[in-house]
Amino acid sequence: MGTQSIIEQGHDHGIIENPDAPFDKLVLQYGPPRSGTTLVYNSLNRIFKRVGKTHQYLNFEGLSGFPDLCDNVVATYRDFRDICVSIWRVENNIKPEELLNGGRKMTNQEILDFTSITHHRCLNLNRYIETKDEHNLLLLKYEDFYKNIPALIKEYEKHFDIEISEELKAEIESSCSLKAHKKIADSLDSFKEHEEISLIHGYHILKNGEPGMWKQLVGPDSQEMITDLLQQYLEPFGYIE
């Protein structure tokens, strides 16, 4: 069984090989859906020769032939209310303009349904954190890197003890910016369509990926509700006190 087929069993993307990348390391990129995973994945696969992307918890200790599959994990997270509303909008394939002009907001029933989905999708984040030493885990906060690719690159250099060339840094900053990704997303007709190489979907980025969009997509009377329902994630990750 090849490495690619193993990750596909987790309903995710296989290992992408880039022979031109400077560092010969296998890195697994994980994050709850809608937490900046695609941006991080696209930057990693320019640096490391083999990169996998998953939303699952993968631990193949003892699996013959792949002892290092999870030795290096880069995980992302963001405000879990933003994750929730983003899952809601892509699951319903809602056009950005419909959201930005105030034509659609989450109902209370949708908040109940999609906070439940968010809980399920985020369980694996805690599993990676609990086993961080096994995975040489690098944990990245979306709000810190979404507009700051140079800071993201510095995190890679520090964590993996590598030095990335100025030329490659410039390429990553240019090709992995939200502006570059949004250009690709805007060329696609729906979230069901995606570019094969970058894994960017249509409707992928709403309003330049700004944090706090949940406040515009959840009515004032329901904001306490979504916060209470996601409190077990928001509090330990520092989004509420």
Protein backbone atom coordinates (compact mmCIF):
# COMPACT_ATOMS: atom_id res chain seq x y z
CA MET A 1 0.00 0.00 0.00
CA GLY A 2 1.50 3.34 -1.02
CA THR A 3 1.68 6.41 1.19
CA GLN A 4 -0.83 8.25 -0.99
CA SER A 5 -3.47 5.54 -0.66
CA ILE A 6 -3.09 5.53 3.14
CA ILE A 7 -4.03 9.18 3.46
CA GLU A 8 -6.81 8.77 0.93
CA GLN A 9 -8.36 6.21 3.26
CA GLY A 10 -8.80 9.12 5.67
CA HIS A 11 -10.74 10.94 2.93
CA ASP A 12 -7.97 13.46 2.45
CA HIS A 13 -5.30 14.29 -0.06
CA GLY A 14 -2.34 12.06 -0.71
CA ILE A 15 1.31 12.86 -0.33
CA ILE A 16 2.40 15.47 -2.84
CA GLU A 17 5.97 15.09 -3.99
CA ASN A 18 8.01 18.08 -5.10
CA PRO A 19 11.50 16.98 -6.19
CA ASP A 20 12.54 20.63 -6.57
CA ALA A 21 11.90 21.48 -2.91
CA PRO A 22 15.13 22.04 -0.97
CA PHE A 23 14.46 19.94 2.12
CA ASP A 24 14.03 16.18 2.08
CA LYS A 25 11.48 15.73 4.81
CA LEU A 26 7.96 14.29 5.01
CA VAL A 27 5.56 16.76 6.64
CA LEU A 28 1.89 16.19 7.42
CA GLN A 29 -0.30 19.29 7.39
CA TYR A 30 -3.39 19.06 9.61
CA GLY A 31 -6.09 21.46 10.68
CA PRO A 32 -9.83 21.65 11.23
CA PRO A 33 -11.50 22.60 7.94
CA ARG A 34 -11.48 26.34 7.17
CA SER A 35 -8.55 27.12 9.51
CA GLY A 36 -5.98 28.24 6.95
CA THR A 37 -4.88 24.74 6.04
CA THR A 38 -4.67 25.37 2.30
CA LEU A 39 -2.42 28.41 2.67
CA VAL A 40 -0.07 26.51 4.98
CA TYR A 41 -0.14 23.41 2.79
CA ASN A 42 0.80 25.37 -0.32
CA SER A 43 3.73 27.02 1.46
CA LEU A 44 4.99 23.75 2.93
CA ASN A 45 5.01 21.90 -0.39
CA ARG A 46 7.43 24.48 -1.78
CA ILE A 47 9.85 23.86 1.10
CA PHE A 48 9.68 20.10 1.70
CA LYS A 49 9.88 17.33 -0.87
CA ARG A 50 6.88 15.41 0.50
CA VAL A 51 3.81 17.00 2.08
CA GLY A 52 0.45 15.45 3.00
CA LYS A 53 -2.74 17.30 3.87
CA THR A 54 -5.39 15.89 6.17
CA HIS A 55 -8.28 16.84 8.44
CA GLN A 56 -7.98 13.48 10.23
CA TYR A 57 -5.90 12.21 13.15
CA LEU A 58 -3.32 9.90 11.60
CA ASN A 59 -1.02 7.73 13.69
CA PHE A 60 0.65 4.93 11.78
CA GLU A 61 3.18 3.90 14.41
CA GLY A 62 4.37 0.43 13.57
CA LEU A 63 2.91 0.43 10.06
CA SER A 64 5.44 -1.33 7.90
CA GLY A 65 7.24 0.99 5.50
CA PHE A 66 5.92 4.30 6.87
CA PRO A 67 7.42 4.80 10.33
CA ASP A 68 7.97 8.53 9.76
CA LEU A 69 4.57 9.44 8.30
CA CYS A 70 3.50 11.49 11.32
CA ASP A 71 6.92 12.49 12.67
CA ASN A 72 6.44 16.10 11.55
CA VAL A 73 2.97 17.63 11.83
CA VAL A 74 2.10 21.28 11.17
CA ALA A 75 -1.35 22.06 12.58
CA THR A 76 -3.53 25.15 12.24
CA TYR A 77 -6.46 26.57 14.19
CA ARG A 78 -8.49 29.78 14.23
CA ASP A 79 -11.44 31.32 16.07
CA PHE A 80 -13.81 28.37 16.17
CA ARG A 81 -16.80 30.60 15.47
CA ASP A 82 -15.16 31.56 12.19
CA ILE A 83 -14.57 27.87 11.46
CA CYS A 84 -18.23 27.16 12.19
CA VAL A 85 -19.70 29.87 9.95
CA SER A 86 -17.20 29.07 7.19
CA ILE A 87 -18.17 25.39 7.21
CA TRP A 88 -21.81 26.52 7.07
CA ARG A 89 -21.31 28.77 4.06
CA VAL A 90 -19.29 26.25 2.02
CA GLU A 91 -21.56 23.32 2.89
CA ASN A 92 -24.45 25.41 1.57
CA ASN A 93 -22.40 26.76 -1.36
CA ILE A 94 -23.50 30.31 -0.53
CA LYS A 95 -22.16 33.00 -2.84
CA PRO A 96 -19.97 35.59 -1.06
CA GLU A 97 -22.02 38.53 -2.35
CA GLU A 98 -25.15 37.06 -0.75
CA LEU A 99 -23.39 37.07 2.61
CA LEU A 100 -21.66 40.42 2.32
CA ASN A 101 -24.84 42.30 1.43
CA GLY A 102 -26.58 40.90 4.50
CA GLY A 103 -28.92 38.68 2.54
CA ARG A 104 -28.15 35.55 4.52
CA LYS A 105 -27.35 34.86 8.18
CA MET A 106 -27.26 31.67 10.21
CA THR A 107 -30.51 30.69 11.86
CA ASN A 108 -30.51 29.37 15.42
CA GLN A 109 -31.17 25.87 14.10
CA GLU A 110 -28.21 26.18 11.74
CA ILE A 111 -26.06 27.35 14.64
CA LEU A 112 -27.06 24.23 16.60
CA ASP A 113 -26.37 21.98 13.61
CA PHE A 114 -23.07 23.51 12.58
CA THR A 115 -21.58 23.96 16.05
CA SER A 116 -22.17 20.22 16.44
CA ILE A 117 -20.34 19.62 13.15
CA THR A 118 -17.55 21.96 14.28
CA HIS A 119 -17.12 20.03 17.54
CA HIS A 120 -16.75 16.82 15.55
CA ARG A 121 -14.29 18.35 13.08
CA CYS A 122 -12.12 19.84 15.85
CA LEU A 123 -11.74 16.76 18.05
CA ASN A 124 -8.60 15.75 16.18
CA LEU A 125 -6.90 19.06 17.02
CA ASN A 126 -6.81 18.11 20.70
CA ARG A 127 -5.53 14.65 19.81
CA TYR A 128 -2.53 16.10 17.98
CA ILE A 129 -1.84 18.51 20.85
CA GLU A 130 -2.05 15.70 23.39
CA THR A 131 0.52 13.70 21.41
CA LYS A 132 2.60 16.71 20.27
CA ASP A 133 5.95 15.21 21.26
CA GLU A 134 5.30 12.17 19.07
CA HIS A 135 4.60 14.36 16.07
CA ASN A 136 7.14 17.21 16.49
CA LEU A 137 4.03 19.39 16.34
CA LEU A 138 4.16 22.97 15.08
CA LEU A 139 0.90 24.67 16.07
CA LEU A 140 -0.05 27.78 14.10
CA LYS A 141 -2.76 30.33 14.84
CA TYR A 142 -4.54 31.58 11.71
CA GLU A 143 -4.85 35.12 12.98
CA ASP A 144 -1.06 35.32 13.32
CA PHE A 145 -0.15 34.17 9.81
CA TYR A 146 -3.01 34.82 7.39
CA LYS A 147 -1.60 38.21 6.35
CA ASN A 148 1.99 37.64 7.42
CA ILE A 149 3.73 35.06 5.25
CA PRO A 150 7.23 36.20 6.37
CA ALA A 151 6.30 35.41 9.98
CA LEU A 152 4.99 32.01 8.87
CA ILE A 153 8.26 31.26 7.10
CA LYS A 154 10.21 32.22 10.24
CA GLU A 155 8.12 29.74 12.21
CA TYR A 156 9.13 27.00 9.76
CA GLU A 157 12.80 27.95 9.94
CA LYS A 158 12.82 28.00 13.72
CA HIS A 159 10.83 24.82 14.24
CA PHE A 160 12.56 22.68 11.62
CA ASP A 161 15.99 24.29 12.10
CA ILE A 162 16.35 25.17 8.42
CA GLU A 163 17.35 28.23 6.42
CA ILE A 164 15.14 29.10 3.46
CA SER A 165 16.68 31.06 0.61
CA GLU A 166 15.58 34.62 -0.05
CA GLU A 167 14.48 33.57 -3.53
CA LEU A 168 12.20 30.86 -2.19
CA LYS A 169 10.83 33.18 0.49
CA ALA A 170 9.86 35.68 -2.19
CA GLU A 171 8.19 32.95 -4.25
CA ILE A 172 6.18 31.73 -1.25
CA GLU A 173 5.12 35.26 -0.32
CA SER A 174 3.94 35.87 -3.88
CA SER A 175 2.21 32.57 -4.65
CA CYS A 176 0.77 31.76 -1.22
CA SER A 177 -0.68 35.11 -0.26
CA LEU A 178 -4.42 35.42 0.26
CA LYS A 179 -4.49 37.78 -2.71
CA ALA A 180 -2.98 35.12 -4.98
CA HIS A 181 -5.26 32.41 -3.59
CA LYS A 182 -8.34 34.61 -3.93
CA LYS A 183 -7.53 35.20 -7.59
CA ILE A 184 -7.68 31.45 -8.17
CA ALA A 185 -10.83 31.05 -6.06
CA ASP A 186 -12.61 33.84 -7.94
CA SER A 187 -11.96 32.05 -11.25
CA LEU A 188 -14.03 29.06 -10.09
CA ASP A 189 -17.82 28.93 -10.08
CA SER A 190 -18.56 27.16 -6.79
CA PHE A 191 -16.98 25.53 -3.77
CA LYS A 192 -17.51 22.18 -5.49
CA GLU A 193 -14.86 23.16 -8.01
CA HIS A 194 -11.18 23.27 -7.08
CA GLU A 195 -7.78 23.67 -8.67
CA GLU A 196 -6.01 20.32 -8.60
CA ILE A 197 -2.54 21.54 -7.67
CA SER A 198 -3.30 24.18 -5.04
CA LEU A 199 -6.53 22.56 -3.73
CA ILE A 200 -8.15 26.01 -3.73
CA HIS A 201 -11.94 25.93 -4.15
CA GLY A 202 -14.36 28.43 -5.54
CA TYR A 203 -15.78 30.69 -2.78
CA HIS A 204 -12.71 29.66 -0.78
CA ILE A 205 -11.97 33.10 0.68
CA LEU A 206 -14.56 35.53 2.02
CA LYS A 207 -13.61 39.21 2.23
CA ASN A 208 -9.85 38.62 2.09
CA GLY A 209 -9.97 36.00 4.84
CA GLU A 210 -10.43 38.52 7.63
CA PRO A 211 -10.92 37.13 11.16
CA GLY A 212 -14.17 37.83 12.96
CA MET A 213 -16.47 37.38 9.98
CA TRP A 214 -18.72 35.27 12.20
CA LYS A 215 -20.02 38.50 13.72
CA GLN A 216 -21.44 39.53 10.33
CA LEU A 217 -22.96 36.13 9.58
CA VAL A 218 -24.55 35.53 12.99
CA GLY A 219 -27.21 37.98 14.16
CA PRO A 220 -26.59 39.99 17.36
CA ASP A 221 -29.24 38.01 19.24
CA SER A 222 -27.48 34.71 18.40
CA GLN A 223 -23.85 35.63 19.00
CA GLU A 224 -23.94 34.63 22.66
CA MET A 225 -25.48 31.32 21.61
CA ILE A 226 -22.70 30.36 19.18
CA THR A 227 -20.06 31.47 21.70
CA ASP A 228 -21.58 29.36 24.48
CA LEU A 229 -21.85 26.31 22.23
CA LEU A 230 -18.17 26.53 21.25
CA GLN A 231 -16.87 27.64 24.65
CA GLN A 232 -14.90 24.45 25.27
CA TYR A 233 -12.64 25.37 22.35
CA LEU A 234 -12.75 29.16 22.50
CA GLU A 235 -11.63 29.43 26.12
CA PRO A 236 -8.54 27.18 26.14
CA PHE A 237 -7.30 28.64 22.85
CA GLY A 238 -7.62 32.19 24.18
CA TYR A 239 -10.53 33.53 22.13
CA ILE A 240 -12.63 34.27 25.21
CA GLU A 241 -11.74 34.67 28.86
